[in-house]
Each structure stands twice: as C-alpha cells, then as structure tokens.
Amino acid sequence: MIEPLELRKVMGQFATGVTVITTQSADHLFGFTANSYTSVSLDPPLILFCLHKDSKGCPIFLHNQVFAVNILAADQIEVSNGFATKELSTEDRFGLVNHATATTGSPVLEGVMGWLDCRLSSSIESGDHVIFIGEVVDMNYDADKGPLLYFQGGYREIGGQ
C-alpha cells in the first residue's frame, strides 16, 4: 500500500514552478496557489490544473467556467504563501497583490512571470481531485523575470538552494 505522506515526499523530488489559479464571477473573486499545473496541447492550446474535489474552490471553478493561471516570479513568495493559506480570506489574498481583469473576467496578478487566460474545456474527476482542462484564449509573459520554484518542500532558486 502506498502511504500518502511517503508519496508526497517522492513527489517533492520533482521541482515545479508555482502558480496562482484565479477566477471571478460577478462580484466573487477566488484564487489559490497550485503547482499541479501543466501544458496539455499546443493545437488547440490547452493547459490543466488539479484541485481537491472537496475544496471550497472546486464548485466555483466549475460554475464560472473560466480561470487564469498566474505563473509567479521569484519575488512573489508572499503572494504564493498568501494564496496557499486557509487563514486568509479571499479579500485578504487579493489584497496582497494588485490585479487586472483578463478577457474572460478572471484576475491576472501584477508582477507575474506570465499568465494564461482560459475557458474551461472539460473537467474530469479522478481520485480525490478534479482535473480542469482549459483552452487558452489570451496570454502574456515578462521574459525579464525569474521563476518561483518549489522543491523538497521549499522555495528554491535556479542554480542554488
């Protein structure tokens, strides 16, 4: 039997970038920190992220049908931590960083390395998570910024610990 904590340790050996996934409907903002994000297809342009099926955000993303992936820059550890903690309200999370509204209405955070604005293409429940697949409708990036990386349970820099 695979123990969840041991699986988490093994998965922690894979270095990832850090994102904040955001959405907005009418007057309701929502966002969370995620490293379970990846590219799926170039044609059509598809990406995916995973979210625990019992999370507060799961029904919000399913209802809104749109989201933005904000790829965090190296200097955005506070943003990453803020959107990861359950202790902060949605208002407090979005108070950590200015944001603009993307084509879909989803929030794009200021200072990120890059962002992708997406419409939900499909969702698949698998295990204890839902896989959200989105079609990219708009995007941008800043080639001068460095990435925020996560490895072995902590933030890292390229070329250093």
Protein backbone atom coordinates (compact mmCIF):
# COMPACT_ATOMS: atom_id res chain seq x y z
CA MET A 1 0.00 0.00 0.00
CA ILE A 2 1.25 3.48 -0.88
CA GLU A 3 1.31 5.79 2.14
CA PRO A 4 0.15 9.36 1.30
CA LEU A 5 2.98 11.05 3.25
CA GLU A 6 5.61 8.91 1.54
CA LEU A 7 4.05 9.65 -1.85
CA ARG A 8 4.20 13.37 -1.01
CA LYS A 9 7.93 13.02 -0.20
CA VAL A 10 8.63 11.29 -3.50
CA MET A 11 6.56 13.83 -5.45
CA GLY A 12 8.54 16.57 -3.68
CA GLN A 13 11.62 15.41 -5.60
CA PHE A 14 10.10 16.94 -8.73
CA ALA A 15 10.89 20.66 -8.97
CA THR A 16 7.94 22.74 -10.14
CA GLY A 17 7.04 26.29 -10.84
CA VAL A 18 4.42 27.95 -8.66
CA THR A 19 1.14 29.38 -9.92
CA VAL A 20 -1.91 31.10 -8.54
CA ILE A 21 -5.09 30.00 -10.29
CA THR A 22 -7.80 32.69 -10.23
CA THR A 23 -11.39 33.16 -11.31
CA GLN A 24 -14.14 35.73 -10.90
CA SER A 25 -17.88 35.78 -11.37
CA ALA A 26 -19.96 38.91 -10.95
CA ASP A 27 -18.59 40.11 -7.61
CA HIS A 28 -16.88 36.95 -6.35
CA LEU A 29 -13.09 36.57 -6.64
CA PHE A 30 -11.34 33.30 -5.87
CA GLY A 31 -7.75 32.11 -6.13
CA PHE A 32 -5.36 29.50 -4.77
CA THR A 33 -1.70 28.52 -5.04
CA ALA A 34 -1.00 25.47 -7.19
CA ASN A 35 1.94 23.59 -8.58
CA SER A 36 -0.31 20.95 -10.15
CA TYR A 37 -0.36 22.75 -13.49
CA THR A 38 0.95 21.72 -16.91
CA SER A 39 0.62 22.22 -20.62
CA VAL A 40 -1.57 19.67 -22.41
CA SER A 41 -1.67 20.65 -26.10
CA LEU A 42 -0.38 23.34 -28.46
CA ASP A 43 -3.15 22.87 -31.04
CA PRO A 44 -5.63 23.58 -29.63
CA PRO A 45 -3.85 25.46 -26.83
CA LEU A 46 -4.81 23.52 -23.68
CA ILE A 47 -3.48 23.53 -20.12
CA LEU A 48 -4.61 21.79 -16.94
CA PHE A 49 -4.59 22.15 -13.20
CA CYS A 50 -5.82 19.88 -10.43
CA LEU A 51 -7.87 20.82 -7.38
CA HIS A 52 -9.09 18.67 -4.47
CA LYS A 53 -12.71 17.76 -5.18
CA ASP A 54 -13.81 18.73 -1.64
CA SER A 55 -12.17 22.16 -1.75
CA LYS A 56 -14.13 25.39 -1.49
CA GLY A 57 -12.89 26.40 -4.95
CA CYS A 58 -13.95 23.31 -6.91
CA PRO A 59 -17.62 24.29 -7.35
CA ILE A 60 -16.61 27.91 -8.04
CA PHE A 61 -14.35 26.94 -10.97
CA LEU A 62 -16.98 24.51 -12.29
CA HIS A 63 -19.64 27.23 -12.14
CA ASN A 64 -17.53 30.08 -13.57
CA GLN A 65 -16.14 28.04 -16.50
CA VAL A 66 -13.17 30.48 -16.78
CA PHE A 67 -9.85 30.93 -14.99
CA ALA A 68 -6.40 32.47 -15.25
CA VAL A 69 -3.11 30.75 -14.50
CA ASN A 70 -0.67 33.26 -12.97
CA ILE A 71 2.93 31.99 -13.16
CA LEU A 72 4.67 33.50 -10.14
CA ALA A 73 8.01 35.29 -10.30
CA ALA A 74 10.89 34.67 -7.88
CA ASP A 75 9.99 37.73 -5.78
CA GLN A 76 6.39 36.58 -5.15
CA ILE A 77 6.85 34.17 -2.22
CA GLU A 78 4.48 36.28 -0.10
CA VAL A 79 1.80 36.02 -2.81
CA SER A 80 2.31 32.24 -3.04
CA ASN A 81 2.07 31.80 0.73
CA GLY A 82 -0.94 34.11 0.98
CA PHE A 83 -2.97 32.28 -1.65
CA ALA A 84 -1.97 28.93 -0.09
CA THR A 85 -3.20 29.60 3.44
CA LYS A 86 -6.74 28.90 4.59
CA GLU A 87 -6.33 31.56 7.30
CA LEU A 88 -6.64 34.43 4.81
CA SER A 89 -9.98 35.45 3.38
CA THR A 90 -10.36 35.90 -0.36
CA GLU A 91 -10.26 39.67 0.14
CA ASP A 92 -7.03 39.43 2.14
CA ARG A 93 -5.45 37.18 -0.50
CA PHE A 94 -6.23 39.61 -3.31
CA GLY A 95 -5.10 42.45 -1.05
CA LEU A 96 -1.55 41.09 -1.26
CA VAL A 97 -1.17 41.98 -4.95
CA ASN A 98 -2.84 44.25 -7.48
CA HIS A 99 -4.64 42.59 -10.35
CA ALA A 100 -6.21 43.39 -13.69
CA THR A 101 -9.10 41.70 -15.43
CA ALA A 102 -8.34 39.36 -18.33
CA THR A 103 -10.51 38.74 -21.40
CA THR A 104 -12.62 36.13 -19.57
CA GLY A 105 -13.02 38.34 -16.49
CA SER A 106 -10.51 36.30 -14.48
CA PRO A 107 -7.96 38.17 -12.35
CA VAL A 108 -4.39 38.47 -13.66
CA LEU A 109 -1.97 39.25 -10.85
CA GLU A 110 0.53 42.10 -11.14
CA GLY A 111 4.22 41.21 -11.32
CA VAL A 112 3.86 37.61 -12.52
CA MET A 113 6.28 35.98 -14.99
CA GLY A 114 3.41 35.07 -17.25
CA TRP A 115 -0.30 34.42 -17.35
CA LEU A 116 -2.77 32.38 -19.36
CA ASP A 117 -6.45 33.30 -19.55
CA CYS A 118 -8.61 30.21 -20.14
CA ARG A 119 -12.11 28.95 -20.77
CA LEU A 120 -12.92 25.58 -19.22
CA SER A 121 -12.80 22.92 -21.94
CA SER A 122 -13.53 19.92 -19.71
CA SER A 123 -13.23 18.62 -16.18
CA ILE A 124 -12.55 15.09 -15.03
CA GLU A 125 -12.95 13.73 -11.51
CA SER A 126 -10.06 11.38 -10.75
CA GLY A 127 -9.24 10.05 -7.29
CA ASP A 128 -9.64 12.82 -4.74
CA HIS A 129 -9.13 15.62 -7.28
CA VAL A 130 -10.81 17.24 -10.27
CA ILE A 131 -8.67 17.86 -13.34
CA PHE A 132 -9.60 21.15 -15.01
CA ILE A 133 -8.61 21.44 -18.67
CA GLY A 134 -8.73 24.94 -20.10
CA GLU A 135 -8.37 26.37 -23.58
CA VAL A 136 -6.05 29.37 -23.61
CA VAL A 137 -7.79 32.46 -25.07
CA ASP A 138 -5.21 35.09 -24.13
CA MET A 139 -1.75 35.20 -22.54
CA ASN A 140 1.34 37.27 -21.89
CA TYR A 141 4.74 36.99 -20.21
CA ASP A 142 7.71 39.01 -18.94
CA ALA A 143 10.98 37.46 -20.17
CA ASP A 144 13.00 39.56 -17.70
CA LYS A 145 11.58 37.87 -14.59
CA GLY A 146 12.92 34.72 -12.93
CA PRO A 147 10.71 31.84 -11.77
CA LEU A 148 9.46 30.98 -8.30
CA LEU A 149 10.37 27.30 -7.88
CA TYR A 150 9.28 24.71 -5.32
CA PHE A 151 11.39 21.63 -4.49
CA GLN A 152 11.58 19.27 -1.50
CA GLY A 153 9.04 21.28 0.48
CA GLY A 154 10.61 24.70 -0.01
CA TYR A 155 11.17 27.58 -2.40
CA ARG A 156 14.35 27.41 -4.50
CA GLU A 157 16.29 29.46 -6.99
CA ILE A 158 17.81 28.28 -10.23
CA GLY A 159 21.43 27.34 -9.61
CA GLY A 160 21.11 27.43 -5.83
CA GLN A 161 19.42 26.16 -2.74
